[in-house]
Amino acid sequence: MNADIHNQWTSFEEYEAGSWNWFLERLKTEYPELTTEEQGSMDHLRKLCRENAGINLLEEEQLMSFKRRFLYIAQKCFKLPAVTENRELVKLFVKTLNSAFQDVLNSRLSIQRTLKVDV
């Protein structure tokens, strides 16, 4: 931690009071992104997807890393109050993959129905 941030933090009344919980609440007030990180956010997921756009089947290491990070954030988004639904997350994840990968997934996962109509 740089000295300037250290000096700022030690100047907080909550730091002087010696209460970790009060100090943590003060940090959350001063740094709203901490709460977002703690709760998860769709913006964070979308950013992750933009950074990994176009992953293909041959990029296994990058794909698995993306999957782990995506699931970690997605689980936070499901905690009450949930900020999304599973369907939206699946679409977001699949859309991140390259088009050939999406085609493979769609062909494996789609349910084809044949309707028979008696006339």
PDB file of N, CA and C in Angstrom:
ATOM      1  N   MET A   1       0.854  -1.163   0.000  1.00  0.00           N
ATOM      2  CA  MET A   1       0.000   0.000   0.000  1.00  0.00           C
ATOM      3  C   MET A   1       0.905   1.231   0.000  1.00  0.00           C
ATOM      4  N   ASN A   2       0.541   2.193  -0.831  1.00  0.00           N
ATOM      5  CA  ASN A   2       1.395   3.377  -0.857  1.00  0.00           C
ATOM      6  C   ASN A   2       1.132   4.259   0.365  1.00  0.00           C
ATOM      7  N   ALA A   3       2.077   5.094   0.659  1.00  0.00           N
ATOM      8  CA  ALA A   3       2.035   5.899   1.892  1.00  0.00           C
ATOM      9  C   ALA A   3       0.856   6.857   1.919  1.00  0.00           C
ATOM     10  N   ASP A   4       0.479   7.409   0.769  1.00  0.00           N
ATOM     11  CA  ASP A   4      -0.628   8.358   0.720  1.00  0.00           C
ATOM     12  C   ASP A   4      -1.941   7.680   1.125  1.00  0.00           C
ATOM     13  N   ILE A   5      -2.202   6.488   0.578  1.00  0.00           N
ATOM     14  CA  ILE A   5      -3.426   5.755   0.932  1.00  0.00           C
ATOM     15  C   ILE A   5      -3.385   5.364   2.408  1.00  0.00           C
ATOM     16  N   HIS A   6      -2.232   4.922   2.870  1.00  0.00           N
ATOM     17  CA  HIS A   6      -2.091   4.563   4.285  1.00  0.00           C
ATOM     18  C   HIS A   6      -2.439   5.749   5.173  1.00  0.00           C
ATOM     19  N   ASN A   7      -1.931   6.921   4.837  1.00  0.00           N
ATOM     20  CA  ASN A   7      -2.207   8.124   5.621  1.00  0.00           C
ATOM     21  C   ASN A   7      -3.691   8.492   5.585  1.00  0.00           C
ATOM     22  N   GLN A   8      -4.316   8.339   4.411  1.00  0.00           N
ATOM     23  CA  GLN A   8      -5.750   8.623   4.301  1.00  0.00           C
ATOM     24  C   GLN A   8      -6.544   7.692   5.218  1.00  0.00           C
ATOM     25  N   TRP A   9      -6.240   6.410   5.145  1.00  0.00           N
ATOM     26  CA  TRP A   9      -6.991   5.415   5.927  1.00  0.00           C
ATOM     27  C   TRP A   9      -6.788   5.599   7.428  1.00  0.00           C
ATOM     28  N   THR A  10      -5.569   5.887   7.834  1.00  0.00           N
ATOM     29  CA  THR A  10      -5.317   6.041   9.270  1.00  0.00           C
ATOM     30  C   THR A  10      -5.927   7.333   9.816  1.00  0.00           C
ATOM     31  N   SER A  11      -6.339   8.237   8.916  1.00  0.00           N
ATOM     32  CA  SER A  11      -6.989   9.462   9.378  1.00  0.00           C
ATOM     33  C   SER A  11      -8.494   9.276   9.618  1.00  0.00           C
ATOM     34  N   PHE A  12      -9.057   8.159   9.179  1.00  0.00           N
ATOM     35  CA  PHE A  12     -10.479   7.899   9.405  1.00  0.00           C
ATOM     36  C   PHE A  12     -10.747   7.728  10.896  1.00  0.00           C
ATOM     37  N   GLU A  13     -11.849   8.292  11.364  1.00  0.00           N
ATOM     38  CA  GLU A  13     -12.253   8.128  12.760  1.00  0.00           C
ATOM     39  C   GLU A  13     -12.409   6.648  13.108  1.00  0.00           C
ATOM     40  N   GLU A  14     -12.921   5.885  12.154  1.00  0.00           N
ATOM     41  CA  GLU A  14     -13.164   4.462  12.382  1.00  0.00           C
ATOM     42  C   GLU A  14     -11.854   3.699  12.596  1.00  0.00           C
ATOM     43  N   TYR A  15     -10.799   4.151  11.969  1.00  0.00           N
ATOM     44  CA  TYR A  15      -9.490   3.530  12.169  1.00  0.00           C
ATOM     45  C   TYR A  15      -9.009   3.829  13.591  1.00  0.00           C
ATOM     46  N   GLU A  16      -9.168   5.078  13.983  1.00  0.00           N
ATOM     47  CA  GLU A  16      -8.738   5.502  15.314  1.00  0.00           C
ATOM     48  C   GLU A  16      -9.509   4.769  16.409  1.00  0.00           C
ATOM     49  N   ALA A  17     -10.800   4.482  16.138  1.00  0.00           N
ATOM     50  CA  ALA A  17     -11.638   3.795  17.130  1.00  0.00           C
ATOM     51  C   ALA A  17     -11.213   2.345  17.310  1.00  0.00           C
ATOM     52  N   GLY A  18     -10.480   1.818  16.345  1.00  0.00           N
ATOM     53  CA  GLY A  18      -9.970   0.453  16.468  1.00  0.00           C
ATOM     54  C   GLY A  18     -10.986  -0.635  16.176  1.00  0.00           C
ATOM     55  N   SER A  19     -12.103  -0.287  15.553  1.00  0.00           N
ATOM     56  CA  SER A  19     -13.110  -1.287  15.225  1.00  0.00           C
ATOM     57  C   SER A  19     -12.995  -1.677  13.760  1.00  0.00           C
ATOM     58  N   TRP A  20     -12.661  -2.935  13.524  1.00  0.00           N
ATOM     59  CA  TRP A  20     -12.505  -3.424  12.153  1.00  0.00           C
ATOM     60  C   TRP A  20     -13.814  -3.277  11.386  1.00  0.00           C
ATOM     61  N   ASN A  21     -14.957  -3.643  11.973  1.00  0.00           N
ATOM     62  CA  ASN A  21     -16.244  -3.584  11.274  1.00  0.00           C
ATOM     63  C   ASN A  21     -16.598  -2.154  10.868  1.00  0.00           C
ATOM     64  N   TRP A  22     -16.395  -1.202  11.752  1.00  0.00           N
ATOM     65  CA  TRP A  22     -16.668   0.190  11.417  1.00  0.00           C
ATOM     66  C   TRP A  22     -15.727   0.672  10.318  1.00  0.00           C
ATOM     67  N   PHE A  23     -14.470   0.275  10.440  1.00  0.00           N
ATOM     68  CA  PHE A  23     -13.482   0.672   9.450  1.00  0.00           C
ATOM     69  C   PHE A  23     -13.842   0.087   8.079  1.00  0.00           C
ATOM     70  N   LEU A  24     -14.244  -1.170   8.053  1.00  0.00           N
ATOM     71  CA  LEU A  24     -14.619  -1.818   6.803  1.00  0.00           C
ATOM     72  C   LEU A  24     -15.825  -1.118   6.174  1.00  0.00           C
ATOM     73  N   GLU A  25     -16.801  -0.755   6.989  1.00  0.00           N
ATOM     74  CA  GLU A  25     -17.970  -0.028   6.477  1.00  0.00           C
ATOM     75  C   GLU A  25     -17.555   1.324   5.889  1.00  0.00           C
ATOM     76  N   ARG A  26     -16.621   1.970   6.536  1.00  0.00           N
ATOM     77  CA  ARG A  26     -16.121   3.259   6.028  1.00  0.00           C
ATOM     78  C   ARG A  26     -15.435   3.060   4.687  1.00  0.00           C
ATOM     79  N   LEU A  27     -14.639   2.002   4.554  1.00  0.00           N
ATOM     80  CA  LEU A  27     -13.971   1.728   3.282  1.00  0.00           C
ATOM     81  C   LEU A  27     -14.997   1.470   2.178  1.00  0.00           C
ATOM     82  N   LYS A  28     -16.066   0.760   2.512  1.00  0.00           N
ATOM     83  CA  LYS A  28     -17.111   0.504   1.517  1.00  0.00           C
ATOM     84  C   LYS A  28     -17.790   1.801   1.081  1.00  0.00           C
ATOM     85  N   THR A  29     -17.908   2.739   2.003  1.00  0.00           N
ATOM     86  CA  THR A  29     -18.482   4.039   1.670  1.00  0.00           C
ATOM     87  C   THR A  29     -17.528   4.817   0.763  1.00  0.00           C
ATOM     88  N   GLU A  30     -16.255   4.769   1.094  1.00  0.00           N
ATOM     89  CA  GLU A  30     -15.246   5.508   0.331  1.00  0.00           C
ATOM     90  C   GLU A  30     -14.955   4.866  -1.036  1.00  0.00           C
ATOM     91  N   TYR A  31     -15.105   3.542  -1.116  1.00  0.00           N
ATOM     92  CA  TYR A  31     -14.802   2.783  -2.332  1.00  0.00           C
ATOM     93  C   TYR A  31     -16.019   1.926  -2.706  1.00  0.00           C
ATOM     94  N   PRO A  32     -17.012   2.505  -3.384  1.00  0.00           N
ATOM     95  CA  PRO A  32     -18.236   1.760  -3.717  1.00  0.00           C
ATOM     96  C   PRO A  32     -17.969   0.495  -4.536  1.00  0.00           C
ATOM     97  N   GLU A  33     -16.874   0.469  -5.252  1.00  0.00           N
ATOM     98  CA  GLU A  33     -16.550  -0.713  -6.061  1.00  0.00           C
ATOM     99  C   GLU A  33     -16.307  -1.955  -5.206  1.00  0.00           C
ATOM    100  N   LEU A  34     -15.988  -1.776  -3.924  1.00  0.00           N
ATOM    101  CA  LEU A  34     -15.826  -2.924  -3.027  1.00  0.00           C
ATOM    102  C   LEU A  34     -17.146  -3.668  -2.848  1.00  0.00           C
ATOM    103  N   THR A  35     -18.223  -2.922  -2.717  1.00  0.00           N
ATOM    104  CA  THR A  35     -19.534  -3.548  -2.571  1.00  0.00           C
ATOM    105  C   THR A  35     -19.911  -4.270  -3.847  1.00  0.00           C
ATOM    106  N   THR A  36     -19.643  -3.660  -4.991  1.00  0.00           N
ATOM    107  CA  THR A  36     -19.922  -4.296  -6.271  1.00  0.00           C
ATOM    108  C   THR A  36     -19.137  -5.589  -6.396  1.00  0.00           C
ATOM    109  N   GLU A  37     -17.879  -5.568  -5.998  1.00  0.00           N
ATOM    110  CA  GLU A  37     -17.043  -6.766  -6.060  1.00  0.00           C
ATOM    111  C   GLU A  37     -17.574  -7.840  -5.118  1.00  0.00           C
ATOM    112  N   GLU A  38     -18.045  -7.429  -3.974  1.00  0.00           N
ATOM    113  CA  GLU A  38     -18.561  -8.364  -2.975  1.00  0.00           C
ATOM    114  C   GLU A  38     -19.869  -8.998  -3.441  1.00  0.00           C
ATOM    115  N   GLN A  39     -20.728  -8.216  -4.076  1.00  0.00           N
ATOM    116  CA  GLN A  39     -22.042  -8.693  -4.480  1.00  0.00           C
ATOM    117  C   GLN A  39     -22.061  -9.265  -5.893  1.00  0.00           C
ATOM    118  N   GLY A  40     -21.112  -8.891  -6.702  1.00  0.00           N
ATOM    119  CA  GLY A  40     -21.148  -9.291  -8.105  1.00  0.00           C
ATOM    120  C   GLY A  40     -21.994  -8.293  -8.886  1.00  0.00           C
ATOM    121  N   SER A  41     -21.731  -8.168 -10.161  1.00  0.00           N
ATOM    122  CA  SER A  41     -22.528  -7.254 -10.973  1.00  0.00           C
ATOM    123  C   SER A  41     -22.530  -7.724 -12.415  1.00  0.00           C
ATOM    124  N   MET A  42     -23.597  -7.401 -13.105  1.00  0.00           N
ATOM    125  CA  MET A  42     -23.683  -7.750 -14.520  1.00  0.00           C
ATOM    126  C   MET A  42     -22.657  -6.961 -15.317  1.00  0.00           C
ATOM    127  N   ASP A  43     -22.369  -5.745 -14.909  1.00  0.00           N
ATOM    128  CA  ASP A  43     -21.344  -4.961 -15.609  1.00  0.00           C
ATOM    129  C   ASP A  43     -19.992  -5.666 -15.544  1.00  0.00           C
ATOM    130  N   HIS A  44     -19.683  -6.227 -14.381  1.00  0.00           N
ATOM    131  CA  HIS A  44     -18.431  -6.945 -14.215  1.00  0.00           C
ATOM    132  C   HIS A  44     -18.406  -8.167 -15.133  1.00  0.00           C
ATOM    133  N   LEU A  45     -19.521  -8.882 -15.222  1.00  0.00           N
ATOM    134  CA  LEU A  45     -19.606 -10.045 -16.114  1.00  0.00           C
ATOM    135  C   LEU A  45     -19.478  -9.632 -17.578  1.00  0.00           C
ATOM    136  N   ARG A  46     -20.142  -8.556 -17.957  1.00  0.00           N
ATOM    137  CA  ARG A  46     -20.053  -8.095 -19.348  1.00  0.00           C
ATOM    138  C   ARG A  46     -18.632  -7.685 -19.707  1.00  0.00           C
ATOM    139  N   LYS A  47     -17.957  -7.045 -18.777  1.00  0.00           N
ATOM    140  CA  LYS A  47     -16.560  -6.661 -19.014  1.00  0.00           C
ATOM    141  C   LYS A  47     -15.696  -7.910 -19.201  1.00  0.00           C
ATOM    142  N   LEU A  48     -15.888  -8.897 -18.357  1.00  0.00           N
ATOM    143  CA  LEU A  48     -15.156 -10.155 -18.476  1.00  0.00           C
ATOM    144  C   LEU A  48     -15.416 -10.794 -19.843  1.00  0.00           C
ATOM    145  N   CYS A  49     -16.668 -10.764 -20.279  1.00  0.00           N
ATOM    146  CA  CYS A  49     -17.015 -11.352 -21.579  1.00  0.00           C
ATOM    147  C   CYS A  49     -16.371 -10.576 -22.731  1.00  0.00           C
ATOM    148  N   ARG A  50     -16.352  -9.258 -22.652  1.00  0.00           N
ATOM    149  CA  ARG A  50     -15.692  -8.455 -23.692  1.00  0.00           C
ATOM    150  C   ARG A  50     -14.206  -8.795 -23.770  1.00  0.00           C
ATOM    151  N   GLU A  51     -13.576  -8.971 -22.605  1.00  0.00           N
ATOM    152  CA  GLU A  51     -12.144  -9.286 -22.569  1.00  0.00           C
ATOM    153  C   GLU A  51     -11.845 -10.657 -23.152  1.00  0.00           C
ATOM    154  N   ASN A  52     -12.834 -11.548 -23.153  1.00  0.00           N
ATOM    155  CA  ASN A  52     -12.631 -12.920 -23.622  1.00  0.00           C
ATOM    156  C   ASN A  52     -13.413 -13.236 -24.883  1.00  0.00           C
ATOM    157  N   ALA A  53     -13.911 -12.225 -25.559  1.00  0.00           N
ATOM    158  CA  ALA A  53     -14.740 -12.429 -26.748  1.00  0.00           C
ATOM    159  C   ALA A  53     -13.996 -13.236 -27.803  1.00  0.00           C
ATOM    160  N   GLY A  54     -14.712 -14.195 -28.381  1.00  0.00           N
ATOM    161  CA  GLY A  54     -14.165 -14.964 -29.487  1.00  0.00           C
ATOM    162  C   GLY A  54     -13.352 -16.185 -29.100  1.00  0.00           C
ATOM    163  N   ILE A  55     -13.457 -16.635 -27.882  1.00  0.00           N
ATOM    164  CA  ILE A  55     -12.726 -17.840 -27.458  1.00  0.00           C
ATOM    165  C   ILE A  55     -13.173 -19.000 -28.339  1.00  0.00           C
ATOM    166  N   ASN A  56     -12.200 -19.818 -28.779  1.00  0.00           N
ATOM    167  CA  ASN A  56     -12.572 -20.968 -29.590  1.00  0.00           C
ATOM    168  C   ASN A  56     -12.213 -22.275 -28.886  1.00  0.00           C
ATOM    169  N   LEU A  57     -12.590 -23.365 -29.497  1.00  0.00           N
ATOM    170  CA  LEU A  57     -12.397 -24.695 -28.908  1.00  0.00           C
ATOM    171  C   LEU A  57     -10.931 -25.026 -28.649  1.00  0.00           C
ATOM    172  N   LEU A  58     -10.033 -24.452 -29.415  1.00  0.00           N
ATOM    173  CA  LEU A  58      -8.612 -24.769 -29.285  1.00  0.00           C
ATOM    174  C   LEU A  58      -7.923 -24.008 -28.156  1.00  0.00           C
ATOM    175  N   GLU A  59      -8.581 -23.018 -27.611  1.00  0.00           N
ATOM    176  CA  GLU A  59      -8.011 -22.205 -26.530  1.00  0.00           C
ATOM    177  C   GLU A  59      -8.502 -22.702 -25.178  1.00  0.00           C
ATOM    178  N   GLU A  60      -8.198 -23.947 -24.890  1.00  0.00           N
ATOM    179  CA  GLU A  60      -8.743 -24.608 -23.713  1.00  0.00           C
ATOM    180  C   GLU A  60      -8.351 -23.914 -22.409  1.00  0.00           C
ATOM    181  N   GLU A  61      -7.098 -23.527 -22.277  1.00  0.00           N
ATOM    182  CA  GLU A  61      -6.646 -22.882 -21.038  1.00  0.00           C
ATOM    183  C   GLU A  61      -7.384 -21.566 -20.810  1.00  0.00           C
ATOM    184  N   GLN A  62      -7.498 -20.745 -21.860  1.00  0.00           N
ATOM    185  CA  GLN A  62      -8.206 -19.469 -21.738  1.00  0.00           C
ATOM    186  C   GLN A  62      -9.693 -19.712 -21.466  1.00  0.00           C
ATOM    187  N   LEU A  63     -10.273 -20.707 -22.127  1.00  0.00           N
ATOM    188  CA  LEU A  63     -11.686 -21.027 -21.926  1.00  0.00           C
ATOM    189  C   LEU A  63     -11.959 -21.435 -20.484  1.00  0.00           C
ATOM    190  N   MET A  64     -11.134 -22.299 -19.931  1.00  0.00           N
ATOM    191  CA  MET A  64     -11.348 -22.763 -18.562  1.00  0.00           C
ATOM    192  C   MET A  64     -11.144 -21.632 -17.555  1.00  0.00           C
ATOM    193  N   SER A  65     -10.182 -20.774 -17.816  1.00  0.00           N
ATOM    194  CA  SER A  65      -9.962 -19.618 -16.945  1.00  0.00           C
ATOM    195  C   SER A  65     -11.179 -18.693 -16.988  1.00  0.00           C
ATOM    196  N   PHE A  66     -11.672 -18.432 -18.199  1.00  0.00           N
ATOM    197  CA  PHE A  66     -12.866 -17.597 -18.365  1.00  0.00           C
ATOM    198  C   PHE A  66     -14.053 -18.221 -17.635  1.00  0.00           C
ATOM    199  N   LYS A  67     -14.247 -19.513 -17.812  1.00  0.00           N
ATOM    200  CA  LYS A  67     -15.375 -20.208 -17.178  1.00  0.00           C
ATOM    201  C   LYS A  67     -15.319 -20.076 -15.658  1.00  0.00           C
ATOM    202  N   ARG A  68     -14.126 -20.284 -15.078  1.00  0.00           N
ATOM    203  CA  ARG A  68     -13.995 -20.187 -13.610  1.00  0.00           C
ATOM    204  C   ARG A  68     -14.333 -18.786 -13.117  1.00  0.00           C
ATOM    205  N   ARG A  69     -13.797 -17.777 -13.791  1.00  0.00           N
ATOM    206  CA  ARG A  69     -14.046 -16.406 -13.377  1.00  0.00           C
ATOM    207  C   ARG A  69     -15.515 -16.032 -13.569  1.00  0.00           C
ATOM    208  N   PHE A  70     -16.102 -16.466 -14.689  1.00  0.00           N
ATOM    209  CA  PHE A  70     -17.499 -16.184 -14.970  1.00  0.00           C
ATOM    210  C   PHE A  70     -18.393 -16.794 -13.891  1.00  0.00           C
ATOM    211  N   LEU A  71     -18.172 -18.050 -13.576  1.00  0.00           N
ATOM    212  CA  LEU A  71     -18.996 -18.729 -12.575  1.00  0.00           C
ATOM    213  C   LEU A  71     -18.852 -18.090 -11.194  1.00  0.00           C
ATOM    214  N   TYR A  72     -17.645 -17.655 -10.867  1.00  0.00           N
ATOM    215  CA  TYR A  72     -17.402 -17.014  -9.574  1.00  0.00           C
ATOM    216  C   TYR A  72     -18.258 -15.744  -9.439  1.00  0.00           C
ATOM    217  N   ILE A  73     -18.251 -14.924 -10.476  1.00  0.00           N
ATOM    218  CA  ILE A  73     -19.024 -13.682 -10.442  1.00  0.00           C
ATOM    219  C   ILE A  73     -20.520 -13.987 -10.532  1.00  0.00           C
ATOM    220  N   ALA A  74     -20.889 -14.944 -11.395  1.00  0.00           N
ATOM    221  CA  ALA A  74     -22.301 -15.293 -11.577  1.00  0.00           C
ATOM    222  C   ALA A  74     -22.918 -15.777 -10.276  1.00  0.00           C
ATOM    223  N   GLN A  75     -22.186 -16.563  -9.509  1.00  0.00           N
ATOM    224  CA  GLN A  75     -22.708 -17.047  -8.227  1.00  0.00           C
ATOM    225  C   GLN A  75     -23.022 -15.888  -7.293  1.00  0.00           C
ATOM    226  N   LYS A  76     -22.207 -14.864  -7.330  1.00  0.00           N
ATOM    227  CA  LYS A  76     -22.469 -13.683  -6.508  1.00  0.00           C
ATOM    228  C   LYS A  76     -23.748 -12.978  -6.969  1.00  0.00           C
ATOM    229  N   CYS A  77     -23.968 -12.962  -8.282  1.00  0.00           N
ATOM    230  CA  CYS A  77     -25.147 -12.295  -8.836  1.00  0.00           C
ATOM    231  C   CYS A  77     -26.438 -13.026  -8.484  1.00  0.00           C
ATOM    232  N   PHE A  78     -26.350 -14.301  -8.137  1.00  0.00           N
ATOM    233  CA  PHE A  78     -27.534 -15.083  -7.772  1.00  0.00           C
ATOM    234  C   PHE A  78     -27.929 -14.915  -6.310  1.00  0.00           C
ATOM    235  N   LYS A  79     -27.007 -14.418  -5.485  1.00  0.00           N
ATOM    236  CA  LYS A  79     -27.351 -14.225  -4.078  1.00  0.00           C
ATOM    237  C   LYS A  79     -28.441 -13.167  -3.970  1.00  0.00           C
ATOM    238  N   LEU A  80     -29.334 -13.372  -3.019  1.00  0.00           N
ATOM    239  CA  LEU A  80     -30.450 -12.443  -2.865  1.00  0.00           C
ATOM    240  C   LEU A  80     -29.977 -11.077  -2.405  1.00  0.00           C
ATOM    241  N   PRO A  81     -30.455 -10.026  -2.985  1.00  0.00           N
ATOM    242  CA  PRO A  81     -31.399  -9.995  -4.088  1.00  0.00           C
ATOM    243  C   PRO A  81     -30.685 -10.276  -5.412  1.00  0.00           C
ATOM    244  N   ALA A  82     -31.143 -11.280  -6.119  1.00  0.00           N
ATOM    245  CA  ALA A  82     -30.523 -11.691  -7.379  1.00  0.00           C
ATOM    246  C   ALA A  82     -30.626 -10.568  -8.402  1.00  0.00           C
ATOM    247  N   VAL A  83     -29.557 -10.360  -9.149  1.00  0.00           N
ATOM    248  CA  VAL A  83     -29.538  -9.284 -10.139  1.00  0.00           C
ATOM    249  C   VAL A  83     -29.728  -9.806 -11.556  1.00  0.00           C
ATOM    250  N   THR A  84     -29.913 -11.126 -11.714  1.00  0.00           N
ATOM    251  CA  THR A  84     -30.075 -11.709 -13.038  1.00  0.00           C
ATOM    252  C   THR A  84     -30.745 -13.071 -12.946  1.00  0.00           C
ATOM    253  N   GLU A  85     -30.995 -13.634 -14.095  1.00  0.00           N
ATOM    254  CA  GLU A  85     -31.546 -14.986 -14.189  1.00  0.00           C
ATOM    255  C   GLU A  85     -30.552 -15.877 -14.915  1.00  0.00           C
ATOM    256  N   ASN A  86     -30.694 -17.167 -14.706  1.00  0.00           N
ATOM    257  CA  ASN A  86     -29.788 -18.125 -15.320  1.00  0.00           C
ATOM    258  C   ASN A  86     -29.781 -18.008 -16.851  1.00  0.00           C
ATOM    259  N   ARG A  87     -30.951 -17.833 -17.440  1.00  0.00           N
ATOM    260  CA  ARG A  87     -31.058 -17.741 -18.903  1.00  0.00           C
ATOM    261  C   ARG A  87     -30.185 -16.605 -19.451  1.00  0.00           C
ATOM    262  N   GLU A  88     -30.221 -15.470 -18.788  1.00  0.00           N
ATOM    263  CA  GLU A  88     -29.419 -14.322 -19.226  1.00  0.00           C
ATOM    264  C   GLU A  88     -27.928 -14.637 -19.135  1.00  0.00           C
ATOM    265  N   LEU A  89     -27.538 -15.332 -18.070  1.00  0.00           N
ATOM    266  CA  LEU A  89     -26.130 -15.684 -17.903  1.00  0.00           C
ATOM    267  C   LEU A  89     -25.664 -16.679 -18.963  1.00  0.00           C
ATOM    268  N   VAL A  90     -26.502 -17.649 -19.271  1.00  0.00           N
ATOM    269  CA  VAL A  90     -26.135 -18.638 -20.297  1.00  0.00           C
ATOM    270  C   VAL A  90     -25.952 -17.938 -21.645  1.00  0.00           C
ATOM    271  N   LYS A  91     -26.886 -17.052 -21.988  1.00  0.00           N
ATOM    272  CA  LYS A  91     -26.767 -16.314 -23.253  1.00  0.00           C
ATOM    273  C   LYS A  91     -25.490 -15.483 -23.294  1.00  0.00           C
ATOM    274  N   LEU A  92     -25.190 -14.830 -22.203  1.00  0.00           N
ATOM    275  CA  LEU A  92     -23.990 -13.997 -22.121  1.00  0.00           C
ATOM    276  C   LEU A  92     -22.732 -14.834 -22.285  1.00  0.00           C
ATOM    277  N   PHE A  93     -22.690 -15.976 -21.618  1.00  0.00           N
ATOM    278  CA  PHE A  93     -21.529 -16.864 -21.705  1.00  0.00           C
ATOM    279  C   PHE A  93     -21.351 -17.369 -23.134  1.00  0.00           C
ATOM    280  N   VAL A  94     -22.409 -17.892 -23.719  1.00  0.00           N
ATOM    281  CA  VAL A  94     -22.319 -18.473 -25.063  1.00  0.00           C
ATOM    282  C   VAL A  94     -21.966 -17.410 -26.098  1.00  0.00           C
ATOM    283  N   LYS A  95     -22.528 -16.214 -25.951  1.00  0.00           N
ATOM    284  CA  LYS A  95     -22.240 -15.124 -26.883  1.00  0.00           C
ATOM    285  C   LYS A  95     -20.754 -14.738 -26.886  1.00  0.00           C
ATOM    286  N   THR A  96     -20.061 -15.039 -25.809  1.00  0.00           N
ATOM    287  CA  THR A  96     -18.632 -14.723 -25.704  1.00  0.00           C
ATOM    288  C   THR A  96     -17.785 -15.646 -26.583  1.00  0.00           C
ATOM    289  N   LEU A  97     -18.274 -16.828 -26.841  1.00  0.00           N
ATOM    290  CA  LEU A  97     -17.537 -17.816 -27.625  1.00  0.00           C
ATOM    291  C   LEU A  97     -17.549 -17.431 -29.109  1.00  0.00           C
ATOM    292  N   ASN A  98     -16.558 -17.948 -29.863  1.00  0.00           N
ATOM    293  CA  ASN A  98     -16.558 -17.631 -31.287  1.00  0.00           C
ATOM    294  C   ASN A  98     -17.720 -18.344 -31.970  1.00  0.00           C
ATOM    295  N   SER A  99     -18.065 -17.906 -33.177  1.00  0.00           N
ATOM    296  CA  SER A  99     -19.278 -18.395 -33.833  1.00  0.00           C
ATOM    297  C   SER A  99     -19.244 -19.896 -34.095  1.00  0.00           C
ATOM    298  N   ALA A 100     -18.092 -20.460 -34.442  1.00  0.00           N
ATOM    299  CA  ALA A 100     -18.004 -21.910 -34.684  1.00  0.00           C
ATOM    300  C   ALA A 100     -18.282 -22.671 -33.384  1.00  0.00           C
ATOM    301  N   PHE A 101     -17.747 -22.174 -32.286  1.00  0.00           N
ATOM    302  CA  PHE A 101     -17.966 -22.799 -30.980  1.00  0.00           C
ATOM    303  C   PHE A 101     -19.450 -22.711 -30.622  1.00  0.00           C
ATOM    304  N   GLN A 102     -20.072 -21.565 -30.890  1.00  0.00           N
ATOM    305  CA  GLN A 102     -21.498 -21.395 -30.621  1.00  0.00           C
ATOM    306  C   GLN A 102     -22.329 -22.388 -31.431  1.00  0.00           C
ATOM    307  N   ASP A 103     -21.945 -22.582 -32.690  1.00  0.00           N
ATOM    308  CA  ASP A 103     -22.668 -23.533 -33.547  1.00  0.00           C
ATOM    309  C   ASP A 103     -22.583 -24.947 -32.993  1.00  0.00           C
ATOM    310  N   VAL A 104     -21.387 -25.339 -32.534  1.00  0.00           N
ATOM    311  CA  VAL A 104     -21.215 -26.673 -31.953  1.00  0.00           C
ATOM    312  C   VAL A 104     -22.106 -26.828 -30.730  1.00  0.00           C
ATOM    313  N   LEU A 105     -22.091 -25.819 -29.853  1.00  0.00           N
ATOM    314  CA  LEU A 105     -22.926 -25.873 -28.651  1.00  0.00           C
ATOM    315  C   LEU A 105     -24.413 -25.943 -28.997  1.00  0.00           C
ATOM    316  N   ASN A 106     -24.818 -25.096 -29.918  1.00  0.00           N
ATOM    317  CA  ASN A 106     -26.235 -25.072 -30.287  1.00  0.00           C
ATOM    318  C   ASN A 106     -26.686 -26.395 -30.872  1.00  0.00           C
ATOM    319  N   SER A 107     -25.840 -27.014 -31.684  1.00  0.00           N
ATOM    320  CA  SER A 107     -26.241 -28.289 -32.281  1.00  0.00           C
ATOM    321  C   SER A 107     -26.300 -29.398 -31.236  1.00  0.00           C
ATOM    322  N   ARG A 108     -25.434 -29.340 -30.240  1.00  0.00           N
ATOM    323  CA  ARG A 108     -25.439 -30.366 -29.190  1.00  0.00           C
ATOM    324  C   ARG A 108     -26.538 -30.153 -28.157  1.00  0.00           C
ATOM    325  N   LEU A 109     -26.896 -28.910 -27.928  1.00  0.00           N
ATOM    326  CA  LEU A 109     -27.835 -28.608 -26.853  1.00  0.00           C
ATOM    327  C   LEU A 109     -29.269 -28.394 -27.308  1.00  0.00           C
ATOM    328  N   SER A 110     -29.459 -28.162 -28.583  1.00  0.00           N
ATOM    329  CA  SER A 110     -30.822 -27.849 -29.009  1.00  0.00           C
ATOM    330  C   SER A 110     -31.699 -29.092 -29.005  1.00  0.00           C
ATOM    331  N   ILE A 111     -32.923 -28.859 -28.699  1.00  0.00           N
ATOM    332  CA  ILE A 111     -33.907 -29.941 -28.690  1.00  0.00           C
ATOM    333  C   ILE A 111     -34.772 -29.748 -29.919  1.00  0.00           C
ATOM    334  N   GLN A 112     -34.726 -30.704 -30.792  1.00  0.00           N
ATOM    335  CA  GLN A 112     -35.508 -30.614 -32.014  1.00  0.00           C
ATOM    336  C   GLN A 112     -36.834 -31.319 -31.789  1.00  0.00           C
ATOM    337  N   ARG A 113     -37.876 -30.638 -32.127  1.00  0.00           N
ATOM    338  CA  ARG A 113     -39.208 -31.212 -31.983  1.00  0.00           C
ATOM    339  C   ARG A 113     -39.831 -31.383 -33.365  1.00  0.00           C
ATOM    340  N   THR A 114     -40.468 -32.484 -33.529  1.00  0.00           N
ATOM    341  CA  THR A 114     -41.189 -32.729 -34.776  1.00  0.00           C
ATOM    342  C   THR A 114     -42.666 -32.809 -34.420  1.00  0.00           C
ATOM    343  N   LEU A 115     -43.410 -31.969 -35.023  1.00  0.00           N
ATOM    344  CA  LEU A 115     -44.840 -31.963 -34.763  1.00  0.00           C
ATOM    345  C   LEU A 115     -45.548 -32.768 -35.836  1.00  0.00           C
ATOM    346  N   LYS A 116     -46.389 -33.670 -35.398  1.00  0.00           N
ATOM    347  CA  LYS A 116     -47.201 -34.445 -36.337  1.00  0.00           C
ATOM    348  C   LYS A 116     -48.632 -33.936 -36.230  1.00  0.00           C
ATOM    349  N   VAL A 117     -49.147 -33.582 -37.330  1.00  0.00           N
ATOM    350  CA  VAL A 117     -50.515 -33.092 -37.337  1.00  0.00           C
ATOM    351  C   VAL A 117     -51.367 -34.088 -38.113  1.00  0.00           C
ATOM    352  N   ASP A 118     -52.388 -34.593 -37.458  1.00  0.00           N
ATOM    353  CA  ASP A 118     -53.315 -35.521 -38.117  1.00  0.00           C
ATOM    354  C   ASP A 118     -54.370 -34.699 -38.859  1.00  0.00           C
ATOM    355  N   VAL A 119     -54.511 -34.981 -40.115  1.00  0.00           N
ATOM    356  CA  VAL A 119     -55.518 -34.261 -40.892  1.00  0.00           C
ATOM    357  C   VAL A 119     -56.645 -35.179 -41.242  1.00  0.00           C
TER     358      VAL A 119
END
